[in-house]
């Protein structure tokens, strides 16, 4: 059973990294918010804590940055026909841009896991409040004046039937 859980976790997190990478490559040109949103959205698939989600978010961002840069090369956006200096400068700008994007993607994934955990905690906290099965109603026995839970139907002290 442990192997199946590990494989399921690996598959789920792999899908999360792939989804985060694809979203990152699509939203890469939106400064910091796009990569953060990509990590936040991918965190739905991540298991474990905040540190693991941060690392997986960075991995998804790296995949997305690679896809983005490959698309730029395929579209011949980064070519040397305009000269080496402009391509070199543009390459460095994209490198720094994506370095901050990777960090934002990791932070987005960590924030998504934290939001999920907080939502689970408060959801379970508020769900437990005011449920009828948590309340015990007592009746006073007319014979011996002992408090008895209503669900028993008889007095626990003298055995009289509770009406």
N, C-alpha and C. Protein backbone atom coordinates (compact mmCIF):
# COMPACT_ATOMS: atom_id res chain seq x y z
N UNK A 1 0.82 -1.20 0.00
CA UNK A 1 0.00 0.00 0.00
C UNK A 1 0.86 1.25 0.00
N UNK A 2 2.04 1.20 0.64
CA UNK A 2 2.92 2.35 0.69
C UNK A 2 3.46 2.71 -0.68
N UNK A 3 3.75 1.67 -1.51
CA UNK A 3 4.24 1.92 -2.86
C UNK A 3 3.18 2.62 -3.71
N UNK A 4 1.93 2.21 -3.57
CA UNK A 4 0.86 2.83 -4.34
C UNK A 4 0.67 4.29 -3.92
N UNK A 5 0.77 4.56 -2.62
CA UNK A 5 0.66 5.94 -2.15
C UNK A 5 1.81 6.79 -2.69
N UNK A 6 3.02 6.22 -2.72
CA UNK A 6 4.18 6.95 -3.24
C UNK A 6 4.04 7.22 -4.73
N UNK A 7 3.55 6.22 -5.47
CA UNK A 7 3.35 6.42 -6.90
C UNK A 7 2.26 7.45 -7.17
N UNK A 8 1.19 7.40 -6.39
CA UNK A 8 0.12 8.40 -6.54
C UNK A 8 0.62 9.80 -6.24
N UNK A 9 1.42 9.91 -5.20
CA UNK A 9 1.98 11.22 -4.84
C UNK A 9 2.92 11.72 -5.93
N UNK A 10 3.76 10.81 -6.44
CA UNK A 10 4.68 11.17 -7.50
C UNK A 10 3.92 11.62 -8.76
N UNK A 11 2.88 10.88 -9.11
CA UNK A 11 2.09 11.24 -10.29
C UNK A 11 1.39 12.58 -10.09
N UNK A 12 0.78 12.76 -8.92
CA UNK A 12 0.07 14.01 -8.63
C UNK A 12 1.01 15.21 -8.68
N UNK A 13 2.17 15.08 -8.05
CA UNK A 13 3.11 16.19 -8.04
C UNK A 13 3.73 16.40 -9.42
N UNK A 14 3.91 15.33 -10.19
CA UNK A 14 4.39 15.48 -11.56
C UNK A 14 3.41 16.25 -12.43
N UNK A 15 2.12 15.94 -12.26
CA UNK A 15 1.08 16.68 -12.98
C UNK A 15 1.10 18.14 -12.54
N UNK A 16 1.31 18.38 -11.24
CA UNK A 16 1.37 19.75 -10.74
C UNK A 16 2.54 20.52 -11.31
N UNK A 17 3.71 19.88 -11.40
CA UNK A 17 4.88 20.56 -11.97
C UNK A 17 4.64 20.85 -13.45
N UNK A 18 4.07 19.89 -14.16
CA UNK A 18 3.78 20.10 -15.59
C UNK A 18 2.75 21.22 -15.78
N UNK A 19 1.68 21.19 -14.97
CA UNK A 19 0.66 22.24 -15.07
C UNK A 19 1.26 23.60 -14.70
N UNK A 20 2.05 23.64 -13.65
CA UNK A 20 2.70 24.90 -13.27
C UNK A 20 3.62 25.41 -14.35
N UNK A 21 4.35 24.50 -15.00
CA UNK A 21 5.25 24.91 -16.08
C UNK A 21 4.50 25.48 -17.27
N UNK A 22 3.39 24.83 -17.63
CA UNK A 22 2.60 25.32 -18.76
C UNK A 22 1.96 26.67 -18.44
N UNK A 23 1.43 26.81 -17.24
CA UNK A 23 0.83 28.09 -16.85
C UNK A 23 1.90 29.18 -16.77
N UNK A 24 3.07 28.81 -16.23
CA UNK A 24 4.18 29.77 -16.14
C UNK A 24 4.58 30.26 -17.53
N UNK A 25 4.70 29.33 -18.48
CA UNK A 25 5.12 29.75 -19.82
C UNK A 25 4.08 30.65 -20.48
N UNK A 26 2.80 30.46 -20.13
CA UNK A 26 1.75 31.31 -20.70
C UNK A 26 1.70 32.69 -20.02
N UNK A 27 1.94 32.73 -18.71
CA UNK A 27 1.81 33.97 -17.95
C UNK A 27 3.16 34.62 -17.65
N UNK A 28 4.21 34.19 -18.30
CA UNK A 28 5.56 34.65 -17.99
C UNK A 28 5.74 36.15 -18.19
N UNK A 29 5.04 36.73 -19.12
CA UNK A 29 5.24 38.15 -19.43
C UNK A 29 4.49 39.08 -18.48
N UNK A 30 3.69 38.53 -17.57
CA UNK A 30 3.03 39.35 -16.55
C UNK A 30 3.99 39.42 -15.36
N UNK A 31 4.56 40.55 -15.07
CA UNK A 31 5.61 40.62 -14.06
C UNK A 31 5.17 40.12 -12.68
N UNK A 32 5.86 39.15 -12.19
CA UNK A 32 5.74 38.54 -10.86
C UNK A 32 4.36 37.95 -10.56
N UNK A 33 3.30 38.61 -10.94
CA UNK A 33 1.96 38.11 -10.65
C UNK A 33 1.66 36.86 -11.47
N UNK A 34 2.10 36.83 -12.72
CA UNK A 34 1.87 35.67 -13.58
C UNK A 34 2.54 34.42 -13.04
N UNK A 35 3.85 34.45 -12.74
CA UNK A 35 4.49 33.28 -12.16
C UNK A 35 3.93 32.91 -10.78
N UNK A 36 3.59 33.92 -9.97
CA UNK A 36 2.99 33.64 -8.66
C UNK A 36 1.67 32.90 -8.84
N UNK A 37 0.85 33.34 -9.78
CA UNK A 37 -0.44 32.68 -10.06
C UNK A 37 -0.22 31.27 -10.57
N UNK A 38 0.83 31.06 -11.38
CA UNK A 38 1.13 29.72 -11.89
C UNK A 38 1.47 28.78 -10.74
N UNK A 39 2.30 29.22 -9.81
CA UNK A 39 2.65 28.40 -8.66
C UNK A 39 1.46 28.15 -7.75
N UNK A 40 0.64 29.18 -7.56
CA UNK A 40 -0.55 29.05 -6.72
C UNK A 40 -1.52 28.03 -7.31
N UNK A 41 -1.71 28.10 -8.63
CA UNK A 41 -2.62 27.16 -9.29
C UNK A 41 -2.07 25.73 -9.26
N UNK A 42 -0.77 25.58 -9.42
CA UNK A 42 -0.17 24.24 -9.43
C UNK A 42 -0.17 23.62 -8.05
N UNK A 43 -0.27 24.41 -7.00
CA UNK A 43 -0.21 23.87 -5.64
C UNK A 43 -1.39 22.97 -5.31
N UNK A 44 -2.42 22.98 -6.12
CA UNK A 44 -3.56 22.08 -5.92
C UNK A 44 -3.10 20.63 -5.97
N UNK A 45 -2.08 20.34 -6.76
CA UNK A 45 -1.60 18.98 -6.95
C UNK A 45 -0.52 18.56 -5.97
N UNK A 46 0.00 19.49 -5.19
CA UNK A 46 1.15 19.20 -4.36
C UNK A 46 0.74 18.60 -3.02
N UNK A 47 1.48 17.58 -2.60
CA UNK A 47 1.30 16.97 -1.29
C UNK A 47 2.43 17.46 -0.39
N UNK A 48 2.25 17.35 0.88
CA UNK A 48 3.31 17.73 1.79
C UNK A 48 3.20 19.18 2.23
N UNK A 49 4.30 19.65 2.79
CA UNK A 49 4.30 20.96 3.40
C UNK A 49 4.71 22.09 2.49
N UNK A 50 4.93 23.22 3.11
CA UNK A 50 5.22 24.45 2.41
C UNK A 50 6.58 24.39 1.72
N UNK A 51 7.59 23.83 2.38
CA UNK A 51 8.92 23.73 1.79
C UNK A 51 8.93 22.88 0.53
N UNK A 52 8.24 21.76 0.58
CA UNK A 52 8.16 20.88 -0.60
C UNK A 52 7.42 21.58 -1.74
N UNK A 53 6.35 22.29 -1.41
CA UNK A 53 5.60 23.02 -2.44
C UNK A 53 6.46 24.12 -3.06
N UNK A 54 7.26 24.79 -2.24
CA UNK A 54 8.15 25.84 -2.76
C UNK A 54 9.13 25.25 -3.77
N UNK A 55 9.73 24.10 -3.42
CA UNK A 55 10.69 23.46 -4.33
C UNK A 55 10.01 22.99 -5.61
N UNK A 56 8.83 22.39 -5.48
CA UNK A 56 8.12 21.93 -6.67
C UNK A 56 7.64 23.11 -7.52
N UNK A 57 7.29 24.22 -6.88
CA UNK A 57 6.91 25.42 -7.62
C UNK A 57 8.07 25.97 -8.43
N UNK A 58 9.26 25.97 -7.84
CA UNK A 58 10.45 26.41 -8.57
C UNK A 58 10.73 25.46 -9.73
N UNK A 59 10.56 24.17 -9.50
CA UNK A 59 10.77 23.19 -10.57
C UNK A 59 9.78 23.42 -11.71
N UNK A 60 8.52 23.67 -11.37
CA UNK A 60 7.52 23.99 -12.40
C UNK A 60 7.86 25.28 -13.13
N UNK A 61 8.33 26.28 -12.40
CA UNK A 61 8.74 27.53 -13.02
C UNK A 61 9.93 27.34 -13.95
N UNK A 62 10.86 26.49 -13.55
CA UNK A 62 12.01 26.21 -14.41
C UNK A 62 11.57 25.53 -15.71
N UNK A 63 10.63 24.60 -15.58
CA UNK A 63 10.08 23.95 -16.77
C UNK A 63 9.38 24.98 -17.66
N UNK A 64 8.60 25.86 -17.05
CA UNK A 64 7.91 26.90 -17.81
C UNK A 64 8.86 27.88 -18.48
N UNK A 65 9.92 28.25 -17.77
CA UNK A 65 10.91 29.16 -18.35
C UNK A 65 11.62 28.50 -19.53
N UNK A 66 11.88 27.21 -19.41
CA UNK A 66 12.50 26.47 -20.51
C UNK A 66 11.57 26.43 -21.72
N UNK A 67 10.31 26.15 -21.48
CA UNK A 67 9.32 26.13 -22.58
C UNK A 67 9.24 27.52 -23.23
N UNK A 68 9.21 28.55 -22.40
CA UNK A 68 9.12 29.92 -22.91
C UNK A 68 10.34 30.28 -23.76
N UNK A 69 11.52 29.97 -23.27
CA UNK A 69 12.73 30.30 -24.00
C UNK A 69 12.84 29.48 -25.29
N UNK A 70 12.44 28.22 -25.25
CA UNK A 70 12.43 27.41 -26.47
C UNK A 70 11.46 27.97 -27.51
N UNK A 71 10.32 28.47 -27.03
CA UNK A 71 9.36 29.10 -27.94
C UNK A 71 9.95 30.36 -28.57
N UNK A 72 10.67 31.14 -27.78
CA UNK A 72 11.31 32.35 -28.32
C UNK A 72 12.36 32.00 -29.37
N UNK A 73 13.11 30.94 -29.12
CA UNK A 73 14.12 30.51 -30.09
C UNK A 73 13.45 29.99 -31.36
N UNK A 74 12.39 29.19 -31.18
CA UNK A 74 11.67 28.64 -32.33
C UNK A 74 11.06 29.75 -33.19
N UNK A 75 10.57 30.79 -32.54
CA UNK A 75 9.99 31.92 -33.26
C UNK A 75 11.06 32.89 -33.78
N UNK A 76 12.32 32.54 -33.55
CA UNK A 76 13.48 33.33 -33.97
C UNK A 76 13.46 34.74 -33.37
N UNK A 77 12.97 34.83 -32.15
CA UNK A 77 12.98 36.10 -31.44
C UNK A 77 14.38 36.40 -30.92
N UNK A 78 15.07 35.33 -30.52
CA UNK A 78 16.44 35.48 -30.04
C UNK A 78 17.38 35.02 -31.16
N UNK A 79 17.71 35.88 -32.06
CA UNK A 79 18.64 35.51 -33.13
C UNK A 79 19.79 36.51 -33.17
N UNK A 80 20.81 36.10 -33.82
CA UNK A 80 22.00 36.95 -33.88
C UNK A 80 22.04 37.82 -35.13
N UNK A 81 20.96 37.84 -35.92
CA UNK A 81 20.99 38.63 -37.15
C UNK A 81 21.04 40.14 -36.86
N UNK A 82 20.51 40.56 -35.74
CA UNK A 82 20.54 41.99 -35.38
C UNK A 82 21.87 42.36 -34.76
N UNK A 83 22.67 41.37 -34.43
CA UNK A 83 23.96 41.62 -33.81
C UNK A 83 24.07 40.87 -32.50
N UNK A 84 25.30 40.66 -32.08
CA UNK A 84 25.53 39.88 -30.87
C UNK A 84 25.18 40.65 -29.61
N UNK A 85 25.44 41.93 -29.60
CA UNK A 85 25.21 42.72 -28.38
C UNK A 85 23.72 42.80 -28.01
N UNK A 86 22.82 43.11 -28.94
CA UNK A 86 21.40 43.13 -28.56
C UNK A 86 20.89 41.76 -28.11
N UNK A 87 21.33 40.70 -28.76
CA UNK A 87 20.90 39.35 -28.34
C UNK A 87 21.45 39.02 -26.97
N UNK A 88 22.70 39.45 -26.70
CA UNK A 88 23.32 39.22 -25.40
C UNK A 88 22.57 39.97 -24.29
N UNK A 89 22.25 41.23 -24.54
CA UNK A 89 21.52 42.04 -23.56
C UNK A 89 20.12 41.48 -23.32
N UNK A 90 19.43 41.13 -24.39
CA UNK A 90 18.10 40.55 -24.26
C UNK A 90 18.14 39.22 -23.51
N UNK A 91 19.17 38.43 -23.78
CA UNK A 91 19.33 37.16 -23.06
C UNK A 91 19.50 37.37 -21.57
N UNK A 92 20.30 38.36 -21.18
CA UNK A 92 20.50 38.65 -19.76
C UNK A 92 19.22 39.19 -19.11
N UNK A 93 18.50 40.01 -19.83
CA UNK A 93 17.23 40.53 -19.30
C UNK A 93 16.27 39.37 -19.05
N UNK A 94 16.18 38.47 -20.01
CA UNK A 94 15.29 37.31 -19.84
C UNK A 94 15.76 36.40 -18.71
N UNK A 95 17.06 36.28 -18.54
CA UNK A 95 17.60 35.45 -17.45
C UNK A 95 17.22 36.03 -16.09
N UNK A 96 17.43 37.32 -15.92
CA UNK A 96 17.08 37.97 -14.64
C UNK A 96 15.57 37.95 -14.44
N UNK A 97 14.82 38.23 -15.50
CA UNK A 97 13.34 38.21 -15.44
C UNK A 97 12.85 36.85 -14.95
N UNK A 98 13.41 35.78 -15.52
CA UNK A 98 12.96 34.44 -15.15
C UNK A 98 13.50 34.00 -13.79
N UNK A 99 14.63 34.55 -13.36
CA UNK A 99 15.10 34.24 -12.01
C UNK A 99 14.09 34.74 -10.97
N UNK A 100 13.62 35.97 -11.15
CA UNK A 100 12.59 36.48 -10.25
C UNK A 100 11.27 35.73 -10.45
N UNK A 101 10.99 35.32 -11.68
CA UNK A 101 9.78 34.54 -11.95
C UNK A 101 9.80 33.19 -11.27
N UNK A 102 10.97 32.54 -11.24
CA UNK A 102 11.08 31.24 -10.55
C UNK A 102 10.82 31.40 -9.06
N UNK A 103 11.38 32.44 -8.49
CA UNK A 103 11.15 32.71 -7.07
C UNK A 103 9.67 32.98 -6.80
N UNK A 104 9.04 33.77 -7.67
CA UNK A 104 7.62 34.07 -7.51
C UNK A 104 6.77 32.82 -7.67
N UNK A 105 7.14 31.93 -8.57
CA UNK A 105 6.40 30.69 -8.77
C UNK A 105 6.51 29.80 -7.53
N UNK A 106 7.70 29.71 -6.96
CA UNK A 106 7.87 28.93 -5.73
C UNK A 106 7.08 29.52 -4.57
N UNK A 107 7.11 30.85 -4.45
CA UNK A 107 6.33 31.50 -3.39
C UNK A 107 4.83 31.32 -3.60
N UNK A 108 4.40 31.33 -4.86
CA UNK A 108 2.99 31.10 -5.15
C UNK A 108 2.55 29.70 -4.76
N UNK A 109 3.40 28.71 -5.04
CA UNK A 109 3.08 27.33 -4.66
C UNK A 109 3.03 27.18 -3.14
N UNK A 110 3.98 27.80 -2.45
CA UNK A 110 3.97 27.75 -0.98
C UNK A 110 2.74 28.44 -0.42
N UNK A 111 2.39 29.59 -0.99
CA UNK A 111 1.19 30.30 -0.53
C UNK A 111 -0.07 29.49 -0.80
N UNK A 112 -0.11 28.79 -1.92
CA UNK A 112 -1.27 27.95 -2.22
C UNK A 112 -1.44 26.82 -1.23
N UNK A 113 -0.33 26.19 -0.84
CA UNK A 113 -0.41 25.11 0.15
C UNK A 113 -0.81 25.67 1.51
N UNK A 114 -0.27 26.83 1.87
CA UNK A 114 -0.66 27.44 3.14
C UNK A 114 -2.14 27.79 3.14
N UNK A 115 -2.63 28.34 2.05
CA UNK A 115 -4.05 28.69 1.97
C UNK A 115 -4.92 27.45 2.06
N UNK A 116 -4.49 26.37 1.41
CA UNK A 116 -5.25 25.12 1.48
C UNK A 116 -5.29 24.58 2.91
N UNK A 117 -4.15 24.61 3.59
CA UNK A 117 -4.10 24.10 4.96
C UNK A 117 -4.93 24.96 5.91
N UNK A 118 -4.86 26.27 5.74
CA UNK A 118 -5.66 27.16 6.59
C UNK A 118 -7.14 26.94 6.32
N UNK A 119 -7.50 26.78 5.05
CA UNK A 119 -8.90 26.51 4.70
C UNK A 119 -9.40 25.21 5.30
N UNK A 120 -8.56 24.19 5.29
CA UNK A 120 -8.95 22.91 5.90
C UNK A 120 -9.13 23.06 7.40
N UNK A 121 -8.22 23.79 8.05
CA UNK A 121 -8.31 23.95 9.50
C UNK A 121 -9.58 24.70 9.89
N UNK A 122 -9.79 25.87 9.28
CA UNK A 122 -10.95 26.65 9.65
C UNK A 122 -12.24 26.02 9.17
N UNK A 123 -12.20 25.30 8.06
CA UNK A 123 -13.39 24.59 7.59
C UNK A 123 -13.81 23.53 8.58
N UNK A 124 -12.85 22.76 9.11
CA UNK A 124 -13.20 21.74 10.09
C UNK A 124 -13.59 22.38 11.42
N UNK A 125 -13.00 23.52 11.75
CA UNK A 125 -13.34 24.20 12.99
C UNK A 125 -14.79 24.69 12.97
N UNK A 126 -15.17 25.35 11.88
CA UNK A 126 -16.52 25.90 11.81
C UNK A 126 -17.57 24.82 11.56
N UNK A 127 -17.17 23.74 10.92
CA UNK A 127 -18.11 22.65 10.66
C UNK A 127 -18.52 21.96 11.96
N UNK A 128 -17.62 21.91 12.93
CA UNK A 128 -17.93 21.25 14.18
C UNK A 128 -18.80 22.07 15.11
N UNK A 129 -18.87 23.35 14.88
CA UNK A 129 -19.64 24.21 15.77
C UNK A 129 -21.13 24.01 15.58
N UNK A 130 -21.84 23.80 16.67
CA UNK A 130 -23.29 23.79 16.66
C UNK A 130 -23.94 22.55 16.09
N UNK A 131 -23.21 21.47 15.95
CA UNK A 131 -23.84 20.24 15.46
C UNK A 131 -24.62 19.60 16.60
N UNK A 132 -25.83 19.11 16.33
CA UNK A 132 -26.66 18.56 17.40
C UNK A 132 -26.05 17.36 18.10
N UNK A 133 -25.24 16.54 17.40
CA UNK A 133 -24.68 15.36 18.07
C UNK A 133 -23.62 15.72 19.10
N UNK A 134 -23.12 16.95 19.07
CA UNK A 134 -22.16 17.37 20.07
C UNK A 134 -22.85 17.78 21.38
N UNK A 135 -24.15 18.06 21.32
CA UNK A 135 -24.88 18.51 22.49
C UNK A 135 -25.55 17.33 23.18
N UNK A 136 -25.51 17.32 24.48
CA UNK A 136 -26.20 16.30 25.25
C UNK A 136 -27.27 17.00 26.08
N UNK A 137 -28.51 16.58 25.89
CA UNK A 137 -29.62 17.16 26.62
C UNK A 137 -29.90 16.28 27.83
N UNK A 138 -29.98 16.91 29.01
CA UNK A 138 -30.26 16.19 30.24
C UNK A 138 -31.69 16.49 30.69
N UNK A 139 -32.30 15.49 31.27
CA UNK A 139 -33.61 15.66 31.92
C UNK A 139 -33.46 15.31 33.39
N UNK A 140 -34.27 15.96 34.16
CA UNK A 140 -34.27 15.70 35.61
C UNK A 140 -35.32 14.62 35.90
N UNK A 141 -34.87 13.58 36.58
CA UNK A 141 -35.79 12.48 36.94
C UNK A 141 -36.80 12.99 37.97
N UNK A 142 -38.11 12.77 37.74
CA UNK A 142 -39.12 13.25 38.70
C UNK A 142 -39.11 12.46 40.01
N UNK A 143 -38.49 11.28 40.03
CA UNK A 143 -38.48 10.46 41.25
C UNK A 143 -37.31 10.82 42.15
N UNK A 144 -36.09 10.84 41.59
CA UNK A 144 -34.90 11.04 42.43
C UNK A 144 -34.17 12.36 42.17
N UNK A 145 -34.65 13.17 41.26
CA UNK A 145 -34.05 14.46 40.90
C UNK A 145 -32.61 14.35 40.39
N UNK A 146 -32.27 13.25 39.74
CA UNK A 146 -30.95 13.05 39.15
C UNK A 146 -30.97 13.50 37.68
N UNK A 147 -29.90 14.16 37.23
CA UNK A 147 -29.79 14.53 35.82
C UNK A 147 -29.39 13.31 35.00
N UNK A 148 -30.15 13.05 33.94
CA UNK A 148 -29.91 11.87 33.11
C UNK A 148 -29.94 12.28 31.64
N UNK A 149 -29.00 11.78 30.82
CA UNK A 149 -29.05 12.11 29.39
C UNK A 149 -30.39 11.65 28.79
N UNK A 150 -30.94 12.50 27.94
CA UNK A 150 -32.26 12.25 27.37
C UNK A 150 -32.27 10.99 26.51
N UNK A 151 -31.18 10.69 25.86
CA UNK A 151 -31.15 9.57 24.92
C UNK A 151 -31.26 8.21 25.61
N UNK A 152 -31.01 8.13 26.92
CA UNK A 152 -31.10 6.81 27.59
C UNK A 152 -32.54 6.36 27.77
N UNK A 153 -33.48 7.27 28.01
CA UNK A 153 -34.90 6.90 28.15
C UNK A 153 -35.28 6.46 29.56
N UNK A 154 -34.29 6.29 30.43
CA UNK A 154 -34.57 5.92 31.82
C UNK A 154 -33.53 6.58 32.71
N UNK A 155 -33.84 6.69 33.98
CA UNK A 155 -32.95 7.32 34.95
C UNK A 155 -31.79 6.37 35.25
N UNK A 156 -30.58 6.91 35.23
CA UNK A 156 -29.41 6.07 35.48
C UNK A 156 -29.24 5.77 36.97
N UNK A 157 -29.93 6.55 37.85
CA UNK A 157 -29.78 6.33 39.28
C UNK A 157 -30.85 5.36 39.81
N UNK A 158 -32.13 5.65 39.51
CA UNK A 158 -33.20 4.83 40.09
C UNK A 158 -33.88 3.91 39.08
N UNK A 159 -33.63 4.11 37.78
CA UNK A 159 -34.21 3.23 36.76
C UNK A 159 -35.61 3.60 36.32
N UNK A 160 -36.13 4.72 36.76
CA UNK A 160 -37.48 5.14 36.37
C UNK A 160 -37.49 5.50 34.88
N UNK A 161 -38.60 5.23 34.22
CA UNK A 161 -38.77 5.56 32.81
C UNK A 161 -38.96 7.07 32.72
N UNK A 162 -38.18 7.69 31.81
CA UNK A 162 -38.26 9.13 31.63
C UNK A 162 -39.37 9.41 30.60
N UNK A 163 -40.25 10.32 30.94
CA UNK A 163 -41.38 10.62 30.04
C UNK A 163 -41.02 11.68 29.07
